[in-house]
């Protein structure tokens, strides 16, 4: 909590007051009950006192991120778009455009985004988005990806955001400036 220029609890309060809703985990050497209560009441989602186990910290971070991704507040940058999964929207704020997505398109983008730029196989994507359903084929997925590209790519025939990889797809979420 002893940051160089400001107390960590005060920084947390300022972030919350500014409308920042991402998960905040305080990692500190102050380990009394009072410290924990003050940290959580300042707006932190979790409070971990040193010494801590690294694996436990990572698990807590993943849990908070999973919870945040499912919340109404979660937004992600995908190229020129702000992706708002709860609203099923891709918003291009500089142009003021909003692209409505279907439930499946939203699920495809969320799963590819979570893959962190790694390629995801068609089978994995099918299982994640449609679950086990013997009637769903890779053609169904390819059709949804095609429609998604028609909405979000400047030139759908030369995909830059939703890229086909050998055996699957990859999302290039980096914003080109």
Foldseek 3Di string as FASTA:
>chain_A
DPDPPDDPLVVLLVCVVVVNDQAAEAEEQDDDPVVQVSSVVSPHPYYHHPPDDPVVVVVVNVVSVVVLCPDQPDWAFAAQWIQRLVQQWTANPVVGDIDHHDNLLSQLVVVLVVVVQDWDALVRSCCRRVNDDPPDDSVNVVVNVLVSLVGPPPDSVDDDAWADDVRGTHGDRDYDD
